[in-house]
Amino acid sequence: MSMSKPMNLRDYWDCVGTENVKMIVFAIGSSMAYARLIKYGLKKPGTSFSLAFIDAAREITPGFEPDLELMLRGVPRSVAGRGKTIPPSPEFLAAQATRQGSHA
């Protein structure tokens, strides 16, 4: 995933990994069950959830966030990969290492 490419929730999740999404969901007071329903296209998020999620994503995964319009549109329905923990992408990990290294 490119940081400049707009991402829906599924793209974002695949980019930053499940653990980061869990931190965001916890920070906004939602549930992973609801986030998974959105990820697999079984539900569309509301505006307040989407805005809160993006705000938390900016804090937890700086430089990586889902696009508001794409989140509100939802994602195509999918059942592939359910229950699988997704690790962060190499691009996200590299960006985090560079960011953390610049503050040392």
N, C-alpha and C. Protein backbone atom coordinates (compact mmCIF):
# COMPACT_ATOMS: atom_id res chain seq x y z
N MET A 1 0.84 -1.19 0.00
CA MET A 1 0.00 0.00 0.00
C MET A 1 0.88 1.25 0.00
N SER A 2 0.57 2.12 -0.84
CA SER A 2 1.26 3.40 -0.85
C SER A 2 0.58 4.34 0.13
N MET A 3 1.39 5.16 0.81
CA MET A 3 0.81 6.11 1.75
C MET A 3 -0.06 7.13 1.01
N SER A 4 0.24 7.37 -0.29
CA SER A 4 -0.52 8.37 -1.02
C SER A 4 -1.80 7.80 -1.63
N LYS A 5 -1.94 6.48 -1.69
CA LYS A 5 -3.14 5.88 -2.26
C LYS A 5 -4.25 5.88 -1.21
N PRO A 6 -5.42 6.42 -1.55
CA PRO A 6 -6.53 6.39 -0.59
C PRO A 6 -6.91 4.94 -0.26
N MET A 7 -7.14 4.68 1.02
CA MET A 7 -7.43 3.33 1.47
C MET A 7 -8.80 3.25 2.13
N ASN A 8 -9.53 2.17 1.85
CA ASN A 8 -10.73 1.88 2.63
C ASN A 8 -10.27 1.14 3.89
N LEU A 9 -11.19 0.73 4.74
CA LEU A 9 -10.79 0.09 5.99
C LEU A 9 -10.02 -1.20 5.74
N ARG A 10 -10.44 -2.01 4.78
CA ARG A 10 -9.74 -3.27 4.51
C ARG A 10 -8.31 -3.01 4.05
N ASP A 11 -8.13 -2.07 3.13
CA ASP A 11 -6.78 -1.73 2.65
C ASP A 11 -5.91 -1.24 3.81
N TYR A 12 -6.49 -0.36 4.62
CA TYR A 12 -5.76 0.19 5.76
C TYR A 12 -5.36 -0.93 6.72
N TRP A 13 -6.29 -1.81 7.05
CA TRP A 13 -6.05 -2.92 7.97
C TRP A 13 -4.92 -3.79 7.43
N ASP A 14 -4.98 -4.10 6.14
CA ASP A 14 -3.94 -4.92 5.52
C ASP A 14 -2.58 -4.22 5.58
N CYS A 15 -2.58 -2.92 5.56
CA CYS A 15 -1.34 -2.14 5.59
C CYS A 15 -0.73 -2.08 6.99
N VAL A 16 -1.52 -1.75 7.98
CA VAL A 16 -0.97 -1.51 9.33
C VAL A 16 -1.04 -2.72 10.25
N GLY A 17 -1.84 -3.71 9.92
CA GLY A 17 -1.91 -4.92 10.73
C GLY A 17 -2.98 -4.88 11.81
N THR A 18 -3.33 -6.06 12.26
CA THR A 18 -4.42 -6.23 13.22
C THR A 18 -4.15 -5.57 14.56
N GLU A 19 -2.93 -5.67 15.07
CA GLU A 19 -2.64 -5.10 16.38
C GLU A 19 -2.85 -3.59 16.41
N ASN A 20 -2.47 -2.90 15.35
CA ASN A 20 -2.70 -1.45 15.29
C ASN A 20 -4.18 -1.13 15.20
N VAL A 21 -4.93 -1.92 14.44
CA VAL A 21 -6.37 -1.71 14.35
C VAL A 21 -7.01 -1.95 15.72
N LYS A 22 -6.55 -2.96 16.45
CA LYS A 22 -7.08 -3.22 17.80
C LYS A 22 -6.86 -2.00 18.71
N MET A 23 -5.68 -1.40 18.63
CA MET A 23 -5.40 -0.21 19.45
C MET A 23 -6.33 0.94 19.10
N ILE A 24 -6.60 1.11 17.81
CA ILE A 24 -7.49 2.19 17.36
C ILE A 24 -8.91 1.92 17.85
N VAL A 25 -9.38 0.70 17.65
CA VAL A 25 -10.74 0.34 18.06
C VAL A 25 -10.91 0.52 19.57
N PHE A 26 -9.91 0.11 20.34
CA PHE A 26 -9.96 0.29 21.79
C PHE A 26 -9.98 1.79 22.14
N ALA A 27 -9.15 2.56 21.45
CA ALA A 27 -9.06 4.01 21.73
C ALA A 27 -10.38 4.74 21.48
N ILE A 28 -11.16 4.27 20.50
CA ILE A 28 -12.42 4.96 20.20
C ILE A 28 -13.60 4.32 20.91
N GLY A 29 -13.35 3.27 21.68
CA GLY A 29 -14.43 2.66 22.46
C GLY A 29 -15.38 1.81 21.64
N SER A 30 -14.89 1.25 20.55
CA SER A 30 -15.73 0.39 19.73
C SER A 30 -15.32 -1.07 19.96
N SER A 31 -15.75 -1.96 19.09
CA SER A 31 -15.41 -3.37 19.25
C SER A 31 -14.77 -3.92 17.99
N MET A 32 -13.92 -4.92 18.17
CA MET A 32 -13.30 -5.58 17.02
C MET A 32 -14.36 -6.30 16.19
N ALA A 33 -15.39 -6.79 16.83
CA ALA A 33 -16.45 -7.48 16.09
C ALA A 33 -17.09 -6.53 15.08
N TYR A 34 -17.37 -5.30 15.50
CA TYR A 34 -17.96 -4.31 14.60
C TYR A 34 -16.96 -3.95 13.50
N ALA A 35 -15.68 -3.75 13.87
CA ALA A 35 -14.66 -3.41 12.88
C ALA A 35 -14.52 -4.52 11.83
N ARG A 36 -14.59 -5.77 12.27
CA ARG A 36 -14.50 -6.89 11.32
C ARG A 36 -15.70 -6.91 10.36
N LEU A 37 -16.88 -6.61 10.88
CA LEU A 37 -18.06 -6.55 10.01
C LEU A 37 -17.87 -5.51 8.91
N ILE A 38 -17.26 -4.40 9.26
CA ILE A 38 -16.98 -3.34 8.28
C ILE A 38 -15.91 -3.82 7.30
N LYS A 39 -14.85 -4.41 7.83
CA LYS A 39 -13.75 -4.88 6.99
C LYS A 39 -14.22 -5.87 5.93
N TYR A 40 -15.11 -6.76 6.30
CA TYR A 40 -15.57 -7.79 5.37
C TYR A 40 -16.79 -7.37 4.56
N GLY A 41 -17.19 -6.11 4.67
CA GLY A 41 -18.28 -5.59 3.85
C GLY A 41 -19.66 -6.01 4.30
N LEU A 42 -19.78 -6.47 5.53
CA LEU A 42 -21.09 -6.88 6.05
C LEU A 42 -21.86 -5.70 6.64
N LYS A 43 -21.15 -4.63 6.98
CA LYS A 43 -21.75 -3.40 7.47
C LYS A 43 -20.98 -2.22 6.90
N LYS A 44 -21.65 -1.07 6.87
CA LYS A 44 -20.98 0.18 6.51
C LYS A 44 -20.87 1.00 7.79
N PRO A 45 -19.72 1.64 8.00
CA PRO A 45 -19.57 2.43 9.21
C PRO A 45 -20.34 3.74 9.13
N GLY A 46 -20.74 4.24 10.28
CA GLY A 46 -21.38 5.54 10.34
C GLY A 46 -20.33 6.64 10.29
N THR A 47 -20.79 7.86 10.12
CA THR A 47 -19.88 9.00 10.04
C THR A 47 -19.11 9.19 11.33
N SER A 48 -19.77 9.07 12.48
CA SER A 48 -19.06 9.31 13.75
C SER A 48 -17.99 8.25 13.98
N PHE A 49 -18.28 6.98 13.68
CA PHE A 49 -17.27 5.92 13.81
C PHE A 49 -16.10 6.22 12.88
N SER A 50 -16.39 6.56 11.63
CA SER A 50 -15.34 6.80 10.64
C SER A 50 -14.44 7.96 11.05
N LEU A 51 -15.03 9.05 11.48
CA LEU A 51 -14.23 10.21 11.91
C LEU A 51 -13.39 9.89 13.14
N ALA A 52 -13.97 9.20 14.10
CA ALA A 52 -13.21 8.81 15.30
C ALA A 52 -12.08 7.85 14.94
N PHE A 53 -12.36 6.91 14.05
CA PHE A 53 -11.35 5.94 13.64
C PHE A 53 -10.18 6.65 12.95
N ILE A 54 -10.48 7.57 12.05
CA ILE A 54 -9.43 8.29 11.33
C ILE A 54 -8.62 9.15 12.28
N ASP A 55 -9.27 9.83 13.22
CA ASP A 55 -8.54 10.64 14.20
C ASP A 55 -7.59 9.77 15.02
N ALA A 56 -8.06 8.61 15.47
CA ALA A 56 -7.21 7.71 16.25
C ALA A 56 -6.09 7.14 15.38
N ALA A 57 -6.40 6.84 14.13
CA ALA A 57 -5.38 6.32 13.21
C ALA A 57 -4.25 7.33 13.03
N ARG A 58 -4.59 8.60 12.98
CA ARG A 58 -3.57 9.64 12.84
C ARG A 58 -2.61 9.65 14.02
N GLU A 59 -3.12 9.31 15.19
CA GLU A 59 -2.29 9.27 16.39
C GLU A 59 -1.49 7.98 16.49
N ILE A 60 -2.12 6.86 16.18
CA ILE A 60 -1.50 5.55 16.39
C ILE A 60 -0.62 5.12 15.22
N THR A 61 -1.01 5.47 14.01
CA THR A 61 -0.24 5.11 12.81
C THR A 61 0.01 6.35 11.97
N PRO A 62 0.82 7.29 12.45
CA PRO A 62 1.04 8.55 11.72
C PRO A 62 1.47 8.30 10.28
N GLY A 63 0.85 9.04 9.37
CA GLY A 63 1.17 8.91 7.96
C GLY A 63 0.34 7.85 7.25
N PHE A 64 -0.41 7.07 8.00
CA PHE A 64 -1.25 6.02 7.44
C PHE A 64 -2.63 6.16 8.04
N GLU A 65 -3.62 6.35 7.19
CA GLU A 65 -5.00 6.46 7.65
C GLU A 65 -5.95 6.11 6.51
N PRO A 66 -7.12 5.58 6.84
CA PRO A 66 -8.10 5.32 5.79
C PRO A 66 -8.72 6.62 5.30
N ASP A 67 -9.22 6.58 4.09
CA ASP A 67 -9.88 7.72 3.48
C ASP A 67 -11.34 7.78 3.95
N LEU A 68 -11.80 8.93 4.38
CA LEU A 68 -13.16 9.07 4.91
C LEU A 68 -14.21 8.65 3.88
N GLU A 69 -14.11 9.14 2.67
CA GLU A 69 -15.11 8.81 1.66
C GLU A 69 -15.14 7.30 1.38
N LEU A 70 -13.98 6.69 1.28
CA LEU A 70 -13.94 5.24 1.03
C LEU A 70 -14.47 4.45 2.22
N MET A 71 -14.20 4.93 3.43
CA MET A 71 -14.76 4.25 4.61
C MET A 71 -16.28 4.30 4.60
N LEU A 72 -16.82 5.46 4.30
CA LEU A 72 -18.27 5.62 4.31
C LEU A 72 -18.95 4.81 3.21
N ARG A 73 -18.26 4.60 2.10
CA ARG A 73 -18.81 3.77 1.03
C ARG A 73 -18.86 2.30 1.41
N GLY A 74 -17.96 1.90 2.31
CA GLY A 74 -17.87 0.50 2.68
C GLY A 74 -16.97 -0.24 1.71
N VAL A 75 -16.81 -1.53 1.95
CA VAL A 75 -15.96 -2.36 1.10
C VAL A 75 -16.79 -3.48 0.49
N PRO A 76 -16.35 -4.04 -0.63
CA PRO A 76 -17.08 -5.18 -1.18
C PRO A 76 -17.11 -6.33 -0.18
N ARG A 77 -18.21 -7.04 -0.13
CA ARG A 77 -18.37 -8.16 0.80
C ARG A 77 -17.32 -9.23 0.53
N SER A 78 -16.73 -9.76 1.61
CA SER A 78 -15.70 -10.78 1.50
C SER A 78 -15.75 -11.70 2.70
N VAL A 79 -15.44 -12.95 2.49
CA VAL A 79 -15.32 -13.89 3.61
C VAL A 79 -13.90 -14.42 3.71
N ALA A 80 -13.06 -14.10 2.75
CA ALA A 80 -11.69 -14.61 2.73
C ALA A 80 -10.89 -14.06 3.90
N GLY A 81 -10.14 -14.91 4.55
CA GLY A 81 -9.22 -14.48 5.59
C GLY A 81 -9.82 -14.24 6.95
N ARG A 82 -11.07 -14.54 7.15
CA ARG A 82 -11.68 -14.29 8.46
C ARG A 82 -10.93 -15.03 9.55
N GLY A 83 -10.70 -14.34 10.64
CA GLY A 83 -10.02 -14.92 11.79
C GLY A 83 -8.52 -14.91 11.69
N LYS A 84 -7.98 -14.44 10.58
CA LYS A 84 -6.55 -14.40 10.37
C LYS A 84 -5.99 -13.08 10.90
N THR A 85 -4.95 -13.14 11.71
CA THR A 85 -4.30 -11.93 12.19
C THR A 85 -3.34 -11.45 11.11
N ILE A 86 -3.47 -10.20 10.74
CA ILE A 86 -2.66 -9.64 9.66
C ILE A 86 -1.51 -8.84 10.27
N PRO A 87 -0.27 -9.17 9.89
CA PRO A 87 0.86 -8.39 10.38
C PRO A 87 0.97 -7.07 9.63
N PRO A 88 1.65 -6.08 10.21
CA PRO A 88 1.85 -4.81 9.50
C PRO A 88 2.64 -5.03 8.21
N SER A 89 2.40 -4.20 7.20
CA SER A 89 3.11 -4.31 5.93
C SER A 89 4.56 -3.84 6.11
N PRO A 90 5.47 -4.33 5.27
CA PRO A 90 6.86 -3.88 5.34
C PRO A 90 6.98 -2.35 5.17
N GLU A 91 6.13 -1.76 4.31
CA GLU A 91 6.19 -0.32 4.10
C GLU A 91 5.84 0.44 5.38
N PHE A 92 4.80 -0.03 6.08
CA PHE A 92 4.41 0.62 7.33
C PHE A 92 5.53 0.48 8.37
N LEU A 93 6.09 -0.72 8.51
CA LEU A 93 7.16 -0.94 9.48
C LEU A 93 8.39 -0.09 9.17
N ALA A 94 8.72 0.04 7.89
CA ALA A 94 9.86 0.87 7.50
C ALA A 94 9.61 2.33 7.84
N ALA A 95 8.39 2.81 7.60
CA ALA A 95 8.05 4.20 7.91
C ALA A 95 8.11 4.44 9.41
N GLN A 96 7.66 3.48 10.20
CA GLN A 96 7.70 3.63 11.65
C GLN A 96 9.14 3.64 12.15
N ALA A 97 9.99 2.77 11.60
CA ALA A 97 11.40 2.71 12.01
C ALA A 97 12.11 4.02 11.68
N THR A 98 11.81 4.58 10.51
CA THR A 98 12.41 5.85 10.10
C THR A 98 11.94 6.96 11.03
N ARG A 99 10.66 6.96 11.35
CA ARG A 99 10.08 8.00 12.22
C ARG A 99 10.67 7.91 13.61
N GLN A 100 10.77 6.70 14.16
CA GLN A 100 11.30 6.52 15.51
C GLN A 100 12.80 6.80 15.55
N GLY A 101 13.51 6.47 14.48
CA GLY A 101 14.94 6.72 14.42
C GLY A 101 15.28 8.20 14.36
N SER A 102 14.38 8.99 13.81
CA SER A 102 14.64 10.42 13.70
C SER A 102 14.45 11.14 15.03
N HIS A 103 13.78 10.49 16.00
CA HIS A 103 13.56 11.10 17.31
C HIS A 103 14.58 10.65 18.34
N ALA A 104 15.48 9.77 17.95
CA ALA A 104 16.45 9.21 18.90
C ALA A 104 17.61 10.14 19.12
